[in-house]
Amino acid sequence: MADRPANTTPRPNDRRNQRGRGRGGRRDDRRNQRDDTPKEFEEVVVNIDRVARVVKGGRRFRFKALVVVGNRKNKVGVGVAKGADVQTAIAKATSVAKKHLVVIPVVNETIPHEMEVKLSGARVLIKPAAPGTGIIAGGVVRAVIGVTGIRNLLSKSLGSTNKVNIAYATVEALRSMVPREQWVGAKKQSAKEGK
């Protein structure tokens, strides 16, 4: 036993020093797992409010999130939800928005015709624009249009400045768009059928 020198420096392949690093550790290390699949929808958090409910002992605070989801093509949805913390509120609002998606007609990266919608106190006017114009819109309308396939648009928010109502009015305006094929030449066809 005396002929072997005492081993004072740890060897690089010593198993005791490898615990938790590289090899070894947990096989199902869920914390470091990442979902690398591309997301179908883009999510934008438009607004977060702290809301209160008055109870006997004082106030109970929660968070309200307004989230817009879209696939950058022709689908868009808006969701509002409350949660005990910000992350919960955002997750709930995202799931609400995904359940209420609307399909919008997009023609040459703009909308087929102008539309004005009044929903609650908010009035939103949206108009098609020439290529190269970009999105001319205020905060909430820009967030909603930004997750669609629309690249050129003029808009004006009239009436209420309530972000939730403006978001819903914008989606309602997009939903009530009539595709170009249905109204271009529709008069000529109906005139021919009448003869």
C-alpha atoms as a PDB file:
ATOM      1  CA  MET A   1       0.000   0.000   0.000  1.00  0.00           C
ATOM      2  CA  ALA A   2       2.891   2.369   0.670  1.00  0.00           C
ATOM      3  CA  ASP A   3       4.208   2.027  -2.884  1.00  0.00           C
ATOM      4  CA  ARG A   4       1.088   3.812  -4.370  1.00  0.00           C
ATOM      5  CA  PRO A   5       1.160   7.645  -4.178  1.00  0.00           C
ATOM      6  CA  ALA A   6      -1.821   9.308  -2.511  1.00  0.00           C
ATOM      7  CA  ASN A   7      -4.293  10.638  -5.095  1.00  0.00           C
ATOM      8  CA  THR A   8      -4.953  14.248  -4.158  1.00  0.00           C
ATOM      9  CA  THR A   9      -6.084  15.718  -7.505  1.00  0.00           C
ATOM     10  CA  PRO A  10      -9.392  14.500  -8.910  1.00  0.00           C
ATOM     11  CA  ARG A  11      -9.227  12.666 -12.194  1.00  0.00           C
ATOM     12  CA  PRO A  12     -11.244  14.125 -15.112  1.00  0.00           C
ATOM     13  CA  ASN A  13     -13.196  10.892 -15.586  1.00  0.00           C
ATOM     14  CA  ASP A  14     -14.120  10.560 -11.913  1.00  0.00           C
ATOM     15  CA  ARG A  15     -17.883   9.873 -11.734  1.00  0.00           C
ATOM     16  CA  ARG A  16     -18.357  11.702  -8.427  1.00  0.00           C
ATOM     17  CA  ASN A  17     -17.404  15.052  -9.979  1.00  0.00           C
ATOM     18  CA  GLN A  18     -19.702  14.615 -12.978  1.00  0.00           C
ATOM     19  CA  ARG A  19     -22.986  14.651 -11.088  1.00  0.00           C
ATOM     20  CA  GLY A  20     -25.498  17.020 -12.679  1.00  0.00           C
ATOM     21  CA  ARG A  21     -23.216  18.029 -15.552  1.00  0.00           C
ATOM     22  CA  GLY A  22     -23.230  16.618 -19.054  1.00  0.00           C
ATOM     23  CA  ARG A  23     -23.665  12.881 -18.754  1.00  0.00           C
ATOM     24  CA  GLY A  24     -25.440  11.454 -15.782  1.00  0.00           C
ATOM     25  CA  GLY A  25     -28.043  13.598 -14.082  1.00  0.00           C
ATOM     26  CA  ARG A  26     -31.715  13.027 -14.795  1.00  0.00           C
ATOM     27  CA  ARG A  27     -32.683  11.268 -17.967  1.00  0.00           C
ATOM     28  CA  ASP A  28     -35.963  13.166 -18.237  1.00  0.00           C
ATOM     29  CA  ASP A  29     -34.612  16.623 -17.484  1.00  0.00           C
ATOM     30  CA  ARG A  30     -37.816  18.567 -18.220  1.00  0.00           C
ATOM     31  CA  ARG A  31     -36.513  21.968 -17.184  1.00  0.00           C
ATOM     32  CA  ASN A  32     -34.099  22.180 -20.093  1.00  0.00           C
ATOM     33  CA  GLN A  33     -36.444  20.733 -22.695  1.00  0.00           C
ATOM     34  CA  ARG A  34     -37.443  23.155 -25.411  1.00  0.00           C
ATOM     35  CA  ASP A  35     -40.267  22.891 -27.851  1.00  0.00           C
ATOM     36  CA  ASP A  36     -38.502  23.708 -31.129  1.00  0.00           C
ATOM     37  CA  THR A  37     -41.628  23.348 -33.280  1.00  0.00           C
ATOM     38  CA  PRO A  38     -42.535  26.683 -34.887  1.00  0.00           C
ATOM     39  CA  LYS A  39     -45.628  28.330 -33.447  1.00  0.00           C
ATOM     40  CA  GLU A  40     -48.633  28.545 -35.736  1.00  0.00           C
ATOM     41  CA  PHE A  41     -49.826  31.834 -34.241  1.00  0.00           C
ATOM     42  CA  GLU A  42     -48.000  34.977 -33.241  1.00  0.00           C
ATOM     43  CA  GLU A  43     -49.128  36.370 -29.883  1.00  0.00           C
ATOM     44  CA  VAL A  44     -48.965  40.063 -28.979  1.00  0.00           C
ATOM     45  CA  VAL A  45     -49.782  41.343 -25.497  1.00  0.00           C
ATOM     46  CA  VAL A  46     -51.514  44.673 -26.115  1.00  0.00           C
ATOM     47  CA  ASN A  47     -52.315  45.716 -22.560  1.00  0.00           C
ATOM     48  CA  ILE A  48     -52.085  44.526 -18.941  1.00  0.00           C
ATOM     49  CA  ASP A  49     -54.190  46.156 -16.219  1.00  0.00           C
ATOM     50  CA  ARG A  50     -54.237  45.614 -12.479  1.00  0.00           C
ATOM     51  CA  VAL A  51     -57.843  45.310 -11.359  1.00  0.00           C
ATOM     52  CA  ALA A  52     -59.164  45.169  -7.812  1.00  0.00           C
ATOM     53  CA  ARG A  53     -62.128  43.603  -6.084  1.00  0.00           C
ATOM     54  CA  VAL A  54     -63.082  45.032  -2.716  1.00  0.00           C
ATOM     55  CA  VAL A  55     -63.590  42.462   0.042  1.00  0.00           C
ATOM     56  CA  LYS A  56     -64.071  42.712   3.795  1.00  0.00           C
ATOM     57  CA  GLY A  57     -60.363  42.823   4.577  1.00  0.00           C
ATOM     58  CA  GLY A  58     -59.390  45.289   1.841  1.00  0.00           C
ATOM     59  CA  ARG A  59     -58.682  44.884  -1.856  1.00  0.00           C
ATOM     60  CA  ARG A  60     -57.848  41.740  -3.825  1.00  0.00           C
ATOM     61  CA  PHE A  61     -55.708  42.486  -6.850  1.00  0.00           C
ATOM     62  CA  ARG A  62     -55.720  40.513 -10.097  1.00  0.00           C
ATOM     63  CA  PHE A  63     -54.348  41.169 -13.572  1.00  0.00           C
ATOM     64  CA  LYS A  64     -56.319  41.602 -16.778  1.00  0.00           C
ATOM     65  CA  ALA A  65     -54.547  40.911 -20.081  1.00  0.00           C
ATOM     66  CA  LEU A  66     -55.557  41.880 -23.622  1.00  0.00           C
ATOM     67  CA  VAL A  67     -53.880  39.586 -26.167  1.00  0.00           C
ATOM     68  CA  VAL A  68     -54.060  39.490 -29.978  1.00  0.00           C
ATOM     69  CA  VAL A  69     -53.141  36.325 -31.919  1.00  0.00           C
ATOM     70  CA  GLY A  70     -52.718  35.914 -35.670  1.00  0.00           C
ATOM     71  CA  ASN A  71     -51.004  33.704 -38.233  1.00  0.00           C
ATOM     72  CA  ARG A  72     -49.650  36.587 -40.390  1.00  0.00           C
ATOM     73  CA  LYS A  73     -51.917  35.416 -43.213  1.00  0.00           C
ATOM     74  CA  ASN A  74     -55.683  35.671 -42.849  1.00  0.00           C
ATOM     75  CA  LYS A  75     -56.595  34.709 -39.274  1.00  0.00           C
ATOM     76  CA  VAL A  76     -56.786  36.982 -36.236  1.00  0.00           C
ATOM     77  CA  GLY A  77     -58.357  36.796 -32.789  1.00  0.00           C
ATOM     78  CA  VAL A  78     -58.611  38.909 -29.625  1.00  0.00           C
ATOM     79  CA  GLY A  79     -58.847  37.631 -26.060  1.00  0.00           C
ATOM     80  CA  VAL A  80     -59.286  39.243 -22.646  1.00  0.00           C
ATOM     81  CA  ALA A  81     -58.820  37.316 -19.398  1.00  0.00           C
ATOM     82  CA  LYS A  82     -57.925  37.814 -15.756  1.00  0.00           C
ATOM     83  CA  GLY A  83     -55.517  35.874 -13.578  1.00  0.00           C
ATOM     84  CA  ALA A  84     -53.861  35.946 -10.171  1.00  0.00           C
ATOM     85  CA  ASP A  85     -50.546  36.843 -11.833  1.00  0.00           C
ATOM     86  CA  VAL A  86     -49.515  38.308 -15.171  1.00  0.00           C
ATOM     87  CA  GLN A  87     -48.404  35.009 -16.748  1.00  0.00           C
ATOM     88  CA  THR A  88     -51.707  33.302 -15.899  1.00  0.00           C
ATOM     89  CA  ALA A  89     -53.707  36.214 -17.314  1.00  0.00           C
ATOM     90  CA  ILE A  90     -51.693  36.185 -20.566  1.00  0.00           C
ATOM     91  CA  ALA A  91     -52.032  32.397 -20.946  1.00  0.00           C
ATOM     92  CA  LYS A  92     -55.809  32.548 -20.391  1.00  0.00           C
ATOM     93  CA  ALA A  93     -56.252  35.495 -22.765  1.00  0.00           C
ATOM     94  CA  THR A  94     -54.201  33.713 -25.453  1.00  0.00           C
ATOM     95  CA  SER A  95     -56.382  30.622 -25.186  1.00  0.00           C
ATOM     96  CA  VAL A  96     -59.544  32.783 -25.424  1.00  0.00           C
ATOM     97  CA  ALA A  97     -58.150  34.548 -28.515  1.00  0.00           C
ATOM     98  CA  LYS A  98     -57.326  31.236 -30.222  1.00  0.00           C
ATOM     99  CA  LYS A  99     -60.903  30.043 -29.648  1.00  0.00           C
ATOM    100  CA  HIS A 100     -62.353  33.157 -31.311  1.00  0.00           C
ATOM    101  CA  LEU A 101     -60.358  33.421 -34.541  1.00  0.00           C
ATOM    102  CA  VAL A 102     -61.875  35.174 -37.551  1.00  0.00           C
ATOM    103  CA  VAL A 103     -60.847  34.733 -41.189  1.00  0.00           C
ATOM    104  CA  ILE A 104     -60.267  37.948 -43.110  1.00  0.00           C
ATOM    105  CA  PRO A 105     -60.081  38.500 -46.874  1.00  0.00           C
ATOM    106  CA  VAL A 106     -56.683  39.914 -47.895  1.00  0.00           C
ATOM    107  CA  VAL A 107     -56.243  41.334 -51.416  1.00  0.00           C
ATOM    108  CA  ASN A 108     -52.743  42.445 -52.534  1.00  0.00           C
ATOM    109  CA  GLU A 109     -51.619  42.811 -48.899  1.00  0.00           C
ATOM    110  CA  THR A 110     -54.505  45.182 -48.095  1.00  0.00           C
ATOM    111  CA  ILE A 111     -58.246  44.929 -47.394  1.00  0.00           C
ATOM    112  CA  PRO A 112     -60.857  44.709 -50.186  1.00  0.00           C
ATOM    113  CA  HIS A 113     -62.875  47.819 -49.209  1.00  0.00           C
ATOM    114  CA  GLU A 114     -63.259  50.421 -46.470  1.00  0.00           C
ATOM    115  CA  MET A 115     -65.278  49.704 -43.354  1.00  0.00           C
ATOM    116  CA  GLU A 116     -66.440  51.625 -40.304  1.00  0.00           C
ATOM    117  CA  VAL A 117     -67.645  49.742 -37.235  1.00  0.00           C
ATOM    118  CA  LYS A 118     -69.143  51.035 -34.001  1.00  0.00           C
ATOM    119  CA  LEU A 119     -68.904  48.586 -31.129  1.00  0.00           C
ATOM    120  CA  SER A 120     -69.878  49.800 -27.672  1.00  0.00           C
ATOM    121  CA  GLY A 121     -68.260  53.272 -27.427  1.00  0.00           C
ATOM    122  CA  ALA A 122     -65.456  52.626 -29.907  1.00  0.00           C
ATOM    123  CA  ARG A 123     -65.649  53.530 -33.588  1.00  0.00           C
ATOM    124  CA  VAL A 124     -62.949  52.247 -35.924  1.00  0.00           C
ATOM    125  CA  LEU A 125     -62.525  53.224 -39.572  1.00  0.00           C
ATOM    126  CA  ILE A 126     -60.227  51.151 -41.796  1.00  0.00           C
ATOM    127  CA  LYS A 127     -59.430  51.814 -45.464  1.00  0.00           C
ATOM    128  CA  PRO A 128     -57.399  49.974 -48.092  1.00  0.00           C
ATOM    129  CA  ALA A 129     -54.121  51.614 -49.116  1.00  0.00           C
ATOM    130  CA  ALA A 130     -51.788  51.554 -52.132  1.00  0.00           C
ATOM    131  CA  PRO A 131     -48.718  49.280 -52.069  1.00  0.00           C
ATOM    132  CA  GLY A 132     -45.843  50.856 -50.149  1.00  0.00           C
ATOM    133  CA  THR A 133     -48.073  52.850 -47.776  1.00  0.00           C
ATOM    134  CA  GLY A 134     -47.532  50.613 -44.758  1.00  0.00           C
ATOM    135  CA  ILE A 135     -49.825  50.369 -41.757  1.00  0.00           C
ATOM    136  CA  ILE A 136     -51.048  53.813 -40.716  1.00  0.00           C
ATOM    137  CA  ALA A 137     -52.751  53.074 -37.403  1.00  0.00           C
ATOM    138  CA  GLY A 138     -52.711  53.863 -33.708  1.00  0.00           C
ATOM    139  CA  GLY A 139     -51.551  51.531 -30.930  1.00  0.00           C
ATOM    140  CA  VAL A 140     -54.299  48.919 -30.564  1.00  0.00           C
ATOM    141  CA  VAL A 141     -55.403  48.893 -34.228  1.00  0.00           C
ATOM    142  CA  ARG A 142     -51.724  48.546 -35.270  1.00  0.00           C
ATOM    143  CA  ALA A 143     -51.280  45.559 -32.919  1.00  0.00           C
ATOM    144  CA  VAL A 144     -54.351  43.802 -34.367  1.00  0.00           C
ATOM    145  CA  ILE A 145     -53.404  44.516 -38.000  1.00  0.00           C
ATOM    146  CA  GLY A 146     -49.745  43.625 -37.310  1.00  0.00           C
ATOM    147  CA  VAL A 147     -50.481  39.920 -36.732  1.00  0.00           C
ATOM    148  CA  THR A 148     -52.432  39.585 -40.010  1.00  0.00           C
ATOM    149  CA  GLY A 149     -51.159  39.418 -43.590  1.00  0.00           C
ATOM    150  CA  ILE A 150     -52.158  43.044 -44.212  1.00  0.00           C
ATOM    151  CA  ARG A 151     -49.180  45.289 -45.055  1.00  0.00           C
ATOM    152  CA  ASN A 152     -50.910  48.455 -46.373  1.00  0.00           C
ATOM    153  CA  LEU A 153     -53.819  50.046 -44.513  1.00  0.00           C
ATOM    154  CA  LEU A 154     -55.156  53.404 -43.364  1.00  0.00           C
ATOM    155  CA  SER A 155     -57.136  53.612 -40.139  1.00  0.00           C
ATOM    156  CA  LYS A 156     -58.602  56.032 -37.653  1.00  0.00           C
ATOM    157  CA  SER A 157     -59.909  55.285 -34.195  1.00  0.00           C
ATOM    158  CA  LEU A 158     -62.917  57.483 -33.407  1.00  0.00           C
ATOM    159  CA  GLY A 159     -64.907  57.662 -30.187  1.00  0.00           C
ATOM    160  CA  SER A 160     -63.837  55.745 -27.090  1.00  0.00           C
ATOM    161  CA  THR A 161     -60.187  55.207 -26.178  1.00  0.00           C
ATOM    162  CA  ASN A 162     -60.916  51.971 -24.309  1.00  0.00           C
ATOM    163  CA  LYS A 163     -58.294  49.505 -25.597  1.00  0.00           C
ATOM    164  CA  VAL A 164     -60.493  46.420 -25.235  1.00  0.00           C
ATOM    165  CA  ASN A 165     -63.384  47.978 -27.175  1.00  0.00           C
ATOM    166  CA  ILE A 166     -61.057  49.295 -29.907  1.00  0.00           C
ATOM    167  CA  ALA A 167     -59.511  45.824 -30.310  1.00  0.00           C
ATOM    168  CA  TYR A 168     -62.920  44.142 -30.573  1.00  0.00           C
ATOM    169  CA  ALA A 169     -64.182  46.846 -32.981  1.00  0.00           C
ATOM    170  CA  THR A 170     -61.128  46.339 -35.218  1.00  0.00           C
ATOM    171  CA  VAL A 171     -61.659  42.561 -35.336  1.00  0.00           C
ATOM    172  CA  GLU A 172     -65.377  43.085 -36.030  1.00  0.00           C
ATOM    173  CA  ALA A 173     -64.494  45.442 -38.925  1.00  0.00           C
ATOM    174  CA  LEU A 174     -62.121  42.820 -40.364  1.00  0.00           C
ATOM    175  CA  ARG A 175     -64.695  40.042 -39.862  1.00  0.00           C
ATOM    176  CA  SER A 176     -67.436  41.942 -41.684  1.00  0.00           C
ATOM    177  CA  MET A 177     -65.272  42.461 -44.797  1.00  0.00           C
ATOM    178  CA  VAL A 178     -66.812  41.079 -47.980  1.00  0.00           C
ATOM    179  CA  PRO A 179     -64.319  39.239 -50.236  1.00  0.00           C
ATOM    180  CA  ARG A 180     -63.602  41.038 -53.504  1.00  0.00           C
ATOM    181  CA  GLU A 181     -65.006  38.228 -55.673  1.00  0.00           C
ATOM    182  CA  GLN A 182     -68.442  38.599 -54.052  1.00  0.00           C
ATOM    183  CA  TRP A 183     -68.982  42.283 -54.802  1.00  0.00           C
ATOM    184  CA  VAL A 184     -66.855  42.992 -57.901  1.00  0.00           C
ATOM    185  CA  GLY A 185     -69.075  42.095 -60.822  1.00  0.00           C
ATOM    186  CA  ALA A 186     -71.970  41.002 -58.600  1.00  0.00           C
ATOM    187  CA  LYS A 187     -74.185  43.769 -60.081  1.00  0.00           C
ATOM    188  CA  LYS A 188     -73.465  42.650 -63.663  1.00  0.00           C
ATOM    189  CA  GLN A 189     -74.306  39.019 -62.867  1.00  0.00           C
ATOM    190  CA  SER A 190     -77.595  39.894 -61.171  1.00  0.00           C
ATOM    191  CA  ALA A 191     -78.550  42.133 -64.146  1.00  0.00           C
ATOM    192  CA  LYS A 192     -77.863  39.261 -66.566  1.00  0.00           C
ATOM    193  CA  GLU A 193     -79.943  36.848 -64.496  1.00  0.00           C
ATOM    194  CA  GLY A 194     -82.889  39.297 -64.463  1.00  0.00           C
ATOM    195  CA  LYS A 195     -83.130  39.404 -68.309  1.00  0.00           C
END
